[in-house]
PDB file of N, CA and C in Angstrom:
ATOM      1  N   MET A   1      16.666  10.394 -11.777  1.00  0.00           N
ATOM      2  CA  MET A   1      17.334  10.464 -13.042  1.00  0.00           C
ATOM      3  C   MET A   1      16.624  11.501 -13.900  1.00  0.00           C
ATOM      4  N   VAL A   2      17.360  12.297 -14.604  1.00  0.00           N
ATOM      5  CA  VAL A   2      16.807  13.355 -15.425  1.00  0.00           C
ATOM      6  C   VAL A   2      16.559  12.825 -16.828  1.00  0.00           C
ATOM      7  N   LYS A   3      15.363  13.118 -17.334  1.00  0.00           N
ATOM      8  CA  LYS A   3      15.048  12.700 -18.694  1.00  0.00           C
ATOM      9  C   LYS A   3      15.638  13.710 -19.675  1.00  0.00           C
ATOM     10  N   ALA A   4      16.171  13.218 -20.768  1.00  0.00           N
ATOM     11  CA  ALA A   4      16.779  14.089 -21.771  1.00  0.00           C
ATOM     12  C   ALA A   4      15.758  14.573 -22.788  1.00  0.00           C
ATOM     13  N   TYR A   5      14.534  14.115 -22.684  1.00  0.00           N
ATOM     14  CA  TYR A   5      13.514  14.527 -23.629  1.00  0.00           C
ATOM     15  C   TYR A   5      12.238  14.861 -22.880  1.00  0.00           C
ATOM     16  N   VAL A   6      11.378  15.627 -23.543  1.00  0.00           N
ATOM     17  CA  VAL A   6      10.083  15.972 -22.986  1.00  0.00           C
ATOM     18  C   VAL A   6       9.025  15.447 -23.930  1.00  0.00           C
ATOM     19  N   GLN A   7       8.086  14.684 -23.403  1.00  0.00           N
ATOM     20  CA  GLN A   7       7.046  14.112 -24.237  1.00  0.00           C
ATOM     21  C   GLN A   7       6.085  15.215 -24.679  1.00  0.00           C
ATOM     22  N   ASP A   8       5.823  15.282 -25.957  1.00  0.00           N
ATOM     23  CA  ASP A   8       4.923  16.294 -26.508  1.00  0.00           C
ATOM     24  C   ASP A   8       3.514  15.722 -26.534  1.00  0.00           C
ATOM     25  N   LEU A   9       2.706  16.086 -25.536  1.00  0.00           N
ATOM     26  CA  LEU A   9       1.360  15.544 -25.442  1.00  0.00           C
ATOM     27  C   LEU A   9       0.428  16.125 -26.505  1.00  0.00           C
ATOM     28  N   SER A  10       0.761  17.314 -27.029  1.00  0.00           N
ATOM     29  CA  SER A  10      -0.110  17.909 -28.039  1.00  0.00           C
ATOM     30  C   SER A  10      -0.100  17.100 -29.333  1.00  0.00           C
ATOM     31  N   SER A  11       0.988  16.406 -29.633  1.00  0.00           N
ATOM     32  CA  SER A  11       1.036  15.579 -30.844  1.00  0.00           C
ATOM     33  C   SER A  11       0.222  14.307 -30.669  1.00  0.00           C
ATOM     34  N   MET A  12      -0.111  13.957 -29.425  1.00  0.00           N
ATOM     35  CA  MET A  12      -0.914  12.773 -29.162  1.00  0.00           C
ATOM     36  C   MET A  12      -2.392  13.113 -29.057  1.00  0.00           C
ATOM     37  N   GLY A  13      -2.774  14.346 -29.344  1.00  0.00           N
ATOM     38  CA  GLY A  13      -4.166  14.734 -29.318  1.00  0.00           C
ATOM     39  C   GLY A  13      -4.631  15.280 -27.980  1.00  0.00           C
ATOM     40  N   LYS A  14      -3.729  15.416 -27.011  1.00  0.00           N
ATOM     41  CA  LYS A  14      -4.094  15.952 -25.702  1.00  0.00           C
ATOM     42  C   LYS A  14      -3.647  17.410 -25.632  1.00  0.00           C
ATOM     43  N   PRO A  15      -4.543  18.297 -25.236  1.00  0.00           N
ATOM     44  CA  PRO A  15      -4.133  19.702 -25.132  1.00  0.00           C
ATOM     45  C   PRO A  15      -3.173  19.907 -23.952  1.00  0.00           C
ATOM     46  N   VAL A  16      -2.209  20.782 -24.132  1.00  0.00           N
ATOM     47  CA  VAL A  16      -1.223  21.081 -23.101  1.00  0.00           C
ATOM     48  C   VAL A  16      -1.377  22.545 -22.718  1.00  0.00           C
ATOM     49  N   SER A  17      -1.543  22.783 -21.419  1.00  0.00           N
ATOM     50  CA  SER A  17      -1.662  24.171 -20.970  1.00  0.00           C
ATOM     51  C   SER A  17      -0.343  24.629 -20.374  1.00  0.00           C
ATOM     52  N   LEU A  18      -0.134  25.915 -20.408  1.00  0.00           N
ATOM     53  CA  LEU A  18       1.085  26.487 -19.860  1.00  0.00           C
ATOM     54  C   LEU A  18       1.148  26.261 -18.352  1.00  0.00           C
ATOM     55  N   GLY A  19      -0.004  26.286 -17.699  1.00  0.00           N
ATOM     56  CA  GLY A  19      -0.042  26.060 -16.252  1.00  0.00           C
ATOM     57  C   GLY A  19       0.409  24.667 -15.861  1.00  0.00           C
ATOM     58  N   SER A  20      -0.013  23.654 -16.619  1.00  0.00           N
ATOM     59  CA  SER A  20       0.402  22.287 -16.290  1.00  0.00           C
ATOM     60  C   SER A  20       1.890  22.084 -16.536  1.00  0.00           C
ATOM     61  N   VAL A  21       2.421  22.695 -17.568  1.00  0.00           N
ATOM     62  CA  VAL A  21       3.856  22.597 -17.838  1.00  0.00           C
ATOM     63  C   VAL A  21       4.641  23.287 -16.734  1.00  0.00           C
ATOM     64  N   ALA A  22       4.156  24.454 -16.289  1.00  0.00           N
ATOM     65  CA  ALA A  22       4.833  25.177 -15.213  1.00  0.00           C
ATOM     66  C   ALA A  22       4.761  24.393 -13.903  1.00  0.00           C
ATOM     67  N   ALA A  23       3.626  23.744 -13.628  1.00  0.00           N
ATOM     68  CA  ALA A  23       3.491  22.952 -12.406  1.00  0.00           C
ATOM     69  C   ALA A  23       4.438  21.760 -12.416  1.00  0.00           C
ATOM     70  N   GLN A  24       4.587  21.098 -13.545  1.00  0.00           N
ATOM     71  CA  GLN A  24       5.513  19.976 -13.647  1.00  0.00           C
ATOM     72  C   GLN A  24       6.959  20.437 -13.457  1.00  0.00           C
ATOM     73  N   ALA A  25       7.295  21.566 -14.050  1.00  0.00           N
ATOM     74  CA  ALA A  25       8.657  22.087 -13.906  1.00  0.00           C
ATOM     75  C   ALA A  25       8.932  22.471 -12.459  1.00  0.00           C
ATOM     76  N   TRP A  26       7.974  23.098 -11.795  1.00  0.00           N
ATOM     77  CA  TRP A  26       8.164  23.497 -10.399  1.00  0.00           C
ATOM     78  C   TRP A  26       8.327  22.272  -9.495  1.00  0.00           C
ATOM     79  N   SER A  27       7.551  21.212  -9.731  1.00  0.00           N
ATOM     80  CA  SER A  27       7.682  20.016  -8.895  1.00  0.00           C
ATOM     81  C   SER A  27       9.044  19.357  -9.093  1.00  0.00           C
ATOM     82  N   ARG A  28       9.577  19.390 -10.302  1.00  0.00           N
ATOM     83  CA  ARG A  28      10.909  18.829 -10.541  1.00  0.00           C
ATOM     84  C   ARG A  28      11.998  19.656  -9.870  1.00  0.00           C
ATOM     85  N   ILE A  29      11.807  20.966  -9.824  1.00  0.00           N
ATOM     86  CA  ILE A  29      12.792  21.836  -9.191  1.00  0.00           C
ATOM     87  C   ILE A  29      12.731  21.700  -7.673  1.00  0.00           C
ATOM     88  N   ALA A  30      11.528  21.602  -7.100  1.00  0.00           N
ATOM     89  CA  ALA A  30      11.359  21.601  -5.646  1.00  0.00           C
ATOM     90  C   ALA A  30      11.629  20.240  -5.008  1.00  0.00           C
ATOM     91  N   ARG A  31      11.560  19.154  -5.759  1.00  0.00           N
ATOM     92  CA  ARG A  31      11.712  17.809  -5.191  1.00  0.00           C
ATOM     93  C   ARG A  31      13.041  17.597  -4.459  1.00  0.00           C
ATOM     94  N   PRO A  32      14.190  18.008  -4.988  1.00  0.00           N
ATOM     95  CA  PRO A  32      15.444  17.766  -4.264  1.00  0.00           C
ATOM     96  C   PRO A  32      15.547  18.523  -2.938  1.00  0.00           C
ATOM     97  N   PHE A  33      14.804  19.601  -2.783  1.00  0.00           N
ATOM     98  CA  PHE A  33      14.876  20.402  -1.572  1.00  0.00           C
ATOM     99  C   PHE A  33      13.838  20.001  -0.525  1.00  0.00           C
ATOM    100  N   ALA A  34      13.001  19.036  -0.835  1.00  0.00           N
ATOM    101  CA  ALA A  34      11.972  18.580   0.098  1.00  0.00           C
ATOM    102  C   ALA A  34      12.622  17.788   1.229  1.00  0.00           C
ATOM    103  N   PRO A  35      12.017  17.789   2.423  1.00  0.00           N
ATOM    104  CA  PRO A  35      12.588  17.010   3.518  1.00  0.00           C
ATOM    105  C   PRO A  35      12.581  15.519   3.196  1.00  0.00           C
ATOM    106  N   ARG A  36      13.615  14.835   3.625  1.00  0.00           N
ATOM    107  CA  ARG A  36      13.689  13.400   3.386  1.00  0.00           C
ATOM    108  C   ARG A  36      14.431  12.733   4.530  1.00  0.00           C
ATOM    109  N   SER A  37      14.272  11.453   4.617  1.00  0.00           N
ATOM    110  CA  SER A  37      14.870  10.668   5.687  1.00  0.00           C
ATOM    111  C   SER A  37      16.363  10.473   5.410  1.00  0.00           C
ATOM    112  N   PRO A  38      17.206  10.570   6.451  1.00  0.00           N
ATOM    113  CA  PRO A  38      18.644  10.357   6.243  1.00  0.00           C
ATOM    114  C   PRO A  38      19.023   8.885   6.122  1.00  0.00           C
ATOM    115  N   TYR A  39      18.068   7.979   6.300  1.00  0.00           N
ATOM    116  CA  TYR A  39      18.347   6.544   6.255  1.00  0.00           C
ATOM    117  C   TYR A  39      18.056   5.999   4.868  1.00  0.00           C
ATOM    118  N   ARG A  40      18.705   4.907   4.529  1.00  0.00           N
ATOM    119  CA  ARG A  40      18.512   4.235   3.247  1.00  0.00           C
ATOM    120  C   ARG A  40      18.002   2.825   3.507  1.00  0.00           C
ATOM    121  N   ILE A  41      17.402   2.225   2.494  1.00  0.00           N
ATOM    122  CA  ILE A  41      16.928   0.856   2.609  1.00  0.00           C
ATOM    123  C   ILE A  41      18.137  -0.056   2.826  1.00  0.00           C
ATOM    124  N   GLY A  42      18.028  -0.904   3.839  1.00  0.00           N
ATOM    125  CA  GLY A  42      19.113  -1.810   4.184  1.00  0.00           C
ATOM    126  C   GLY A  42      19.922  -1.371   5.389  1.00  0.00           C
ATOM    127  N   ASP A  43      19.712  -0.145   5.888  1.00  0.00           N
ATOM    128  CA  ASP A  43      20.429   0.325   7.073  1.00  0.00           C
ATOM    129  C   ASP A  43      19.909  -0.378   8.319  1.00  0.00           C
ATOM    130  N   ALA A  44      20.819  -0.797   9.195  1.00  0.00           N
ATOM    131  CA  ALA A  44      20.444  -1.387  10.476  1.00  0.00           C
ATOM    132  C   ALA A  44      20.211  -0.253  11.463  1.00  0.00           C
ATOM    133  N   VAL A  45      19.031  -0.240  12.091  1.00  0.00           N
ATOM    134  CA  VAL A  45      18.654   0.863  12.971  1.00  0.00           C
ATOM    135  C   VAL A  45      18.053   0.332  14.265  1.00  0.00           C
ATOM    136  N   VAL A  46      18.009   1.226  15.257  1.00  0.00           N
ATOM    137  CA  VAL A  46      17.303   0.983  16.504  1.00  0.00           C
ATOM    138  C   VAL A  46      16.169   2.000  16.543  1.00  0.00           C
ATOM    139  N   ALA A  47      14.939   1.520  16.678  1.00  0.00           N
ATOM    140  CA  ALA A  47      13.769   2.387  16.740  1.00  0.00           C
ATOM    141  C   ALA A  47      13.309   2.475  18.181  1.00  0.00           C
ATOM    142  N   ASP A  48      13.127   3.697  18.674  1.00  0.00           N
ATOM    143  CA  ASP A  48      12.722   3.898  20.060  1.00  0.00           C
ATOM    144  C   ASP A  48      11.479   4.774  20.074  1.00  0.00           C
ATOM    145  N   ASP A  49      10.359   4.173  20.455  1.00  0.00           N
ATOM    146  CA  ASP A  49       9.077   4.862  20.503  1.00  0.00           C
ATOM    147  C   ASP A  49       8.427   4.546  21.850  1.00  0.00           C
ATOM    148  N   PRO A  50       7.891   5.557  22.552  1.00  0.00           N
ATOM    149  CA  PRO A  50       7.295   5.275  23.861  1.00  0.00           C
ATOM    150  C   PRO A  50       6.065   4.371  23.790  1.00  0.00           C
ATOM    151  N   PHE A  51       5.392   4.306  22.663  1.00  0.00           N
ATOM    152  CA  PHE A  51       4.181   3.499  22.541  1.00  0.00           C
ATOM    153  C   PHE A  51       4.464   2.107  21.977  1.00  0.00           C
ATOM    154  N   LYS A  52       5.389   2.002  21.008  1.00  0.00           N
ATOM    155  CA  LYS A  52       5.700   0.721  20.372  1.00  0.00           C
ATOM    156  C   LYS A  52       6.884   0.017  21.017  1.00  0.00           C
ATOM    157  N   GLY A  53       7.665   0.746  21.825  1.00  0.00           N
ATOM    158  CA  GLY A  53       8.824   0.156  22.471  1.00  0.00           C
ATOM    159  C   GLY A  53      10.087   0.305  21.650  1.00  0.00           C
ATOM    160  N   ARG A  54      11.168  -0.284  22.155  1.00  0.00           N
ATOM    161  CA  ARG A  54      12.468  -0.215  21.496  1.00  0.00           C
ATOM    162  C   ARG A  54      12.677  -1.482  20.674  1.00  0.00           C
ATOM    163  N   ARG A  55      12.989  -1.304  19.409  1.00  0.00           N
ATOM    164  CA  ARG A  55      13.161  -2.454  18.516  1.00  0.00           C
ATOM    165  C   ARG A  55      14.368  -2.240  17.607  1.00  0.00           C
ATOM    166  N   GLU A  56      15.042  -3.337  17.300  1.00  0.00           N
ATOM    167  CA  GLU A  56      16.152  -3.315  16.352  1.00  0.00           C
ATOM    168  C   GLU A  56      15.689  -3.960  15.057  1.00  0.00           C
ATOM    169  N   GLY A  57      16.140  -3.401  13.946  1.00  0.00           N
ATOM    170  CA  GLY A  57      15.749  -3.971  12.672  1.00  0.00           C
ATOM    171  C   GLY A  57      16.460  -3.325  11.508  1.00  0.00           C
ATOM    172  N   VAL A  58      15.955  -3.610  10.326  1.00  0.00           N
ATOM    173  CA  VAL A  58      16.520  -3.113   9.079  1.00  0.00           C
ATOM    174  C   VAL A  58      15.459  -2.292   8.361  1.00  0.00           C
ATOM    175  N   VAL A  59      15.859  -1.165   7.798  1.00  0.00           N
ATOM    176  CA  VAL A  59      14.933  -0.323   7.047  1.00  0.00           C
ATOM    177  C   VAL A  59      14.580  -1.021   5.742  1.00  0.00           C
ATOM    178  N   VAL A  60      13.267  -1.231   5.509  1.00  0.00           N
ATOM    179  CA  VAL A  60      12.818  -1.908   4.295  1.00  0.00           C
ATOM    180  C   VAL A  60      11.884  -1.044   3.460  1.00  0.00           C
ATOM    181  N   PHE A  61      11.458   0.106   4.010  1.00  0.00           N
ATOM    182  CA  PHE A  61      10.491   0.939   3.305  1.00  0.00           C
ATOM    183  C   PHE A  61      10.735   2.388   3.666  1.00  0.00           C
ATOM    184  N   LEU A  62      10.774   3.259   2.666  1.00  0.00           N
ATOM    185  CA  LEU A  62      10.906   4.695   2.892  1.00  0.00           C
ATOM    186  C   LEU A  62       9.853   5.429   2.077  1.00  0.00           C
ATOM    187  N   GLN A  63       9.177   6.360   2.734  1.00  0.00           N
ATOM    188  CA  GLN A  63       8.244   7.228   2.028  1.00  0.00           C
ATOM    189  C   GLN A  63       8.209   8.554   2.764  1.00  0.00           C
ATOM    190  N   GLY A  64       8.805   9.557   2.142  1.00  0.00           N
ATOM    191  CA  GLY A  64       8.878  10.857   2.789  1.00  0.00           C
ATOM    192  C   GLY A  64       9.728  10.780   4.041  1.00  0.00           C
ATOM    193  N   LEU A  65       9.134  11.114   5.173  1.00  0.00           N
ATOM    194  CA  LEU A  65       9.850  11.082   6.442  1.00  0.00           C
ATOM    195  C   LEU A  65       9.590   9.812   7.234  1.00  0.00           C
ATOM    196  N   SER A  66       8.787   8.900   6.709  1.00  0.00           N
ATOM    197  CA  SER A  66       8.469   7.649   7.391  1.00  0.00           C
ATOM    198  C   SER A  66       9.400   6.532   6.918  1.00  0.00           C
ATOM    199  N   ALA A  67       9.689   5.625   7.845  1.00  0.00           N
ATOM    200  CA  ALA A  67      10.537   4.484   7.519  1.00  0.00           C
ATOM    201  C   ALA A  67       9.899   3.222   8.066  1.00  0.00           C
ATOM    202  N   GLY A  68       9.859   2.177   7.256  1.00  0.00           N
ATOM    203  CA  GLY A  68       9.374   0.880   7.693  1.00  0.00           C
ATOM    204  C   GLY A  68      10.556   0.045   8.146  1.00  0.00           C
ATOM    205  N   VAL A  69      10.509  -0.424   9.390  1.00  0.00           N
ATOM    206  CA  VAL A  69      11.606  -1.186   9.971  1.00  0.00           C
ATOM    207  C   VAL A  69      11.157  -2.632  10.134  1.00  0.00           C
ATOM    208  N   ASP A  70      11.888  -3.552   9.517  1.00  0.00           N
ATOM    209  CA  ASP A  70      11.596  -4.976   9.618  1.00  0.00           C
ATOM    210  C   ASP A  70      12.300  -5.521  10.848  1.00  0.00           C
ATOM    211  N   THR A  71      11.514  -5.993  11.818  1.00  0.00           N
ATOM    212  CA  THR A  71      12.050  -6.545  13.057  1.00  0.00           C
ATOM    213  C   THR A  71      11.677  -8.023  13.131  1.00  0.00           C
ATOM    214  N   ALA A  72      12.053  -8.662  14.218  1.00  0.00           N
ATOM    215  CA  ALA A  72      11.702 -10.069  14.421  1.00  0.00           C
ATOM    216  C   ALA A  72      10.204 -10.243  14.606  1.00  0.00           C
ATOM    217  N   GLU A  73       9.522  -9.202  15.102  1.00  0.00           N
ATOM    218  CA  GLU A  73       8.076  -9.268  15.339  1.00  0.00           C
ATOM    219  C   GLU A  73       7.247  -8.839  14.130  1.00  0.00           C
ATOM    220  N   GLY A  74       7.875  -8.282  13.104  1.00  0.00           N
ATOM    221  CA  GLY A  74       7.160  -7.821  11.917  1.00  0.00           C
ATOM    222  C   GLY A  74       7.685  -6.471  11.471  1.00  0.00           C
ATOM    223  N   VAL A  75       6.949  -5.813  10.578  1.00  0.00           N
ATOM    224  CA  VAL A  75       7.344  -4.507  10.061  1.00  0.00           C
ATOM    225  C   VAL A  75       6.593  -3.429  10.831  1.00  0.00           C
ATOM    226  N   PHE A  76       7.342  -2.457  11.342  1.00  0.00           N
ATOM    227  CA  PHE A  76       6.774  -1.326  12.067  1.00  0.00           C
ATOM    228  C   PHE A  76       7.186  -0.045  11.359  1.00  0.00           C
ATOM    229  N   PHE A  77       6.293   0.930  11.380  1.00  0.00           N
ATOM    230  CA  PHE A  77       6.554   2.191  10.721  1.00  0.00           C
ATOM    231  C   PHE A  77       6.851   3.261  11.751  1.00  0.00           C
ATOM    232  N   TYR A  78       7.943   3.992  11.534  1.00  0.00           N
ATOM    233  CA  TYR A  78       8.406   5.018  12.455  1.00  0.00           C
ATOM    234  C   TYR A  78       8.698   6.303  11.700  1.00  0.00           C
ATOM    235  N   ASP A  79       8.664   7.402  12.431  1.00  0.00           N
ATOM    236  CA  ASP A  79       9.165   8.665  11.923  1.00  0.00           C
ATOM    237  C   ASP A  79      10.693   8.592  11.957  1.00  0.00           C
ATOM    238  N   HIS A  80      11.364   9.225  11.020  1.00  0.00           N
ATOM    239  CA  HIS A  80      12.819   9.110  10.964  1.00  0.00           C
ATOM    240  C   HIS A  80      13.508   9.679  12.204  1.00  0.00           C
ATOM    241  N   ARG A  81      12.837  10.548  12.949  1.00  0.00           N
ATOM    242  CA  ARG A  81      13.433  11.130  14.148  1.00  0.00           C
ATOM    243  C   ARG A  81      13.472  10.129  15.307  1.00  0.00           C
ATOM    244  N   GLN A  82      12.751   9.032  15.200  1.00  0.00           N
ATOM    245  CA  GLN A  82      12.737   8.014  16.243  1.00  0.00           C
ATOM    246  C   GLN A  82      13.746   6.907  15.984  1.00  0.00           C
ATOM    247  N   LEU A  83      14.533   7.041  14.938  1.00  0.00           N
ATOM    248  CA  LEU A  83      15.505   6.010  14.574  1.00  0.00           C
ATOM    249  C   LEU A  83      16.932   6.473  14.863  1.00  0.00           C
ATOM    250  N   LYS A  84      17.778   5.504  15.183  1.00  0.00           N
ATOM    251  CA  LYS A  84      19.217   5.743  15.326  1.00  0.00           C
ATOM    252  C   LYS A  84      19.940   4.600  14.638  1.00  0.00           C
ATOM    253  N   LYS A  85      21.089   4.903  14.009  1.00  0.00           N
ATOM    254  CA  LYS A  85      21.871   3.851  13.362  1.00  0.00           C
ATOM    255  C   LYS A  85      22.409   2.894  14.406  1.00  0.00           C
ATOM    256  N   LEU A  86      22.400   1.632  14.058  1.00  0.00           N
ATOM    257  CA  LEU A  86      22.910   0.593  14.942  1.00  0.00           C
ATOM    258  C   LEU A  86      24.430   0.555  14.826  1.00  0.00           C
ATOM    259  N   ASP A  87      25.102   0.545  15.962  1.00  0.00           N
ATOM    260  CA  ASP A  87      26.577   0.536  15.954  1.00  0.00           C
ATOM    261  C   ASP A  87      27.133  -0.818  15.647  1.00  0.00           C
TER     262      ASP A  87
END
């Protein structure tokens, strides 16, 4: 969600540098173009990993390209490339 206002830290007694303002603006611009997982929380998926095995579950955690899948055995974390939507 986009904020309609910008907090003025200089009025609160904190110095504001042009570099920090530029860094904040750049991070806001670059965030939508960063890689992200195509899955959403609540999606039913099949996770297939040669080390952890094949498991079915629901996505309960997303952070960057990692997804936490809640299965009958517990929560396992996978890379999004190891997941497929459950039919």
